[in-house]
């Protein structure tokens, strides 16, 4: 996925794949399971909010997003509940 760097060798006209990850962060993507924790999160009542891409760009990170949403929730910006 994102852990590979392709280096083109101009002399041989082939490409070599170099791994950018440190060995301690090596991850076997062939063993990854999509949605592994989905059922558990839904059963526990986890509150996951998907933002539209343009809205997500307004926040630097998830903490800033949470702060913005809480500010709206508490009515500090004048939004009706």
Protein backbone atom coordinates (compact mmCIF):
# COMPACT_ATOMS: atom_id res chain seq x y z
CA UNK A 1 0.00 0.00 0.00
CA UNK A 2 1.72 3.14 1.26
CA UNK A 3 4.80 1.44 2.62
CA UNK A 4 6.55 0.88 -0.70
CA UNK A 5 8.80 3.21 -2.65
CA UNK A 6 9.34 2.46 -6.32
CA UNK A 7 12.80 3.37 -7.56
CA UNK A 8 13.45 3.31 -11.29
CA UNK A 9 16.90 2.15 -12.35
CA UNK A 10 17.66 4.04 -15.57
CA UNK A 11 20.54 1.76 -16.54
CA UNK A 12 18.63 -1.51 -16.47
CA UNK A 13 15.19 -0.05 -17.24
CA UNK A 14 13.55 -1.96 -14.42
CA UNK A 15 11.91 -0.80 -11.26
CA UNK A 16 12.90 -1.85 -7.78
CA UNK A 17 10.54 -1.74 -4.82
CA UNK A 18 12.10 -0.49 -1.62
CA UNK A 19 10.39 -0.80 1.72
CA UNK A 20 10.23 2.52 3.64
CA UNK A 21 8.89 1.07 6.88
CA UNK A 22 11.19 0.27 9.72
CA UNK A 23 11.37 -3.46 10.54
CA UNK A 24 9.54 -2.97 13.85
CA UNK A 25 6.57 -1.53 11.93
CA UNK A 26 6.40 -4.29 9.35
CA UNK A 27 2.78 -5.24 8.68
CA UNK A 28 1.56 -8.20 6.68
CA UNK A 29 -1.36 -6.78 4.68
CA UNK A 30 -2.28 -10.26 3.44
CA UNK A 31 -3.50 -11.04 6.98
CA UNK A 32 -5.49 -7.81 7.39
CA UNK A 33 -9.24 -8.15 7.92
CA UNK A 34 -11.57 -5.41 6.74
CA UNK A 35 -14.13 -4.41 9.35
CA UNK A 36 -12.57 -6.59 12.03
CA UNK A 37 -13.94 -4.48 14.91
CA UNK A 38 -17.13 -3.24 13.24
CA UNK A 39 -19.57 -5.56 15.05
CA UNK A 40 -17.98 -4.91 18.44
CA UNK A 41 -18.04 -1.14 17.98
CA UNK A 42 -21.67 -1.20 16.92
CA UNK A 43 -22.62 -3.48 19.84
CA UNK A 44 -20.85 -1.23 22.36
CA UNK A 45 -22.59 1.82 20.98
CA UNK A 46 -19.49 3.54 19.68
CA UNK A 47 -20.24 6.93 18.23
CA UNK A 48 -18.45 7.19 14.93
CA UNK A 49 -19.25 10.17 12.76
CA UNK A 50 -18.23 10.30 9.12
CA UNK A 51 -17.72 13.85 7.93
CA UNK A 52 -17.99 14.97 4.35
CA UNK A 53 -14.49 15.54 2.88
CA UNK A 54 -14.92 19.32 2.64
CA UNK A 55 -16.03 19.50 6.29
CA UNK A 56 -13.18 17.25 7.45
CA UNK A 57 -10.65 19.59 5.81
CA UNK A 58 -11.75 22.32 8.23
CA UNK A 59 -10.19 20.42 11.15
CA UNK A 60 -6.50 19.78 11.74
CA UNK A 61 -7.10 16.49 13.57
CA UNK A 62 -9.81 14.49 15.33
CA UNK A 63 -9.34 16.42 18.59
CA UNK A 64 -10.05 19.70 16.79
CA UNK A 65 -13.12 18.14 15.18
CA UNK A 66 -14.39 16.89 18.53
CA UNK A 67 -13.85 20.32 20.06
CA UNK A 68 -15.73 22.00 17.22
CA UNK A 69 -18.66 19.61 17.50
CA UNK A 70 -18.83 20.04 21.29
CA UNK A 71 -18.77 23.81 20.88
CA UNK A 72 -21.75 23.57 18.53
CA UNK A 73 -23.51 21.13 20.86
CA UNK A 74 -23.14 23.43 23.85
CA UNK A 75 -24.69 26.27 21.88
CA UNK A 76 -21.72 28.60 22.00
CA UNK A 77 -22.14 29.42 18.31
CA UNK A 78 -25.90 29.84 18.49
CA UNK A 79 -27.01 26.61 16.83
CA UNK A 80 -30.41 25.38 17.95
CA UNK A 81 -30.52 21.85 19.39
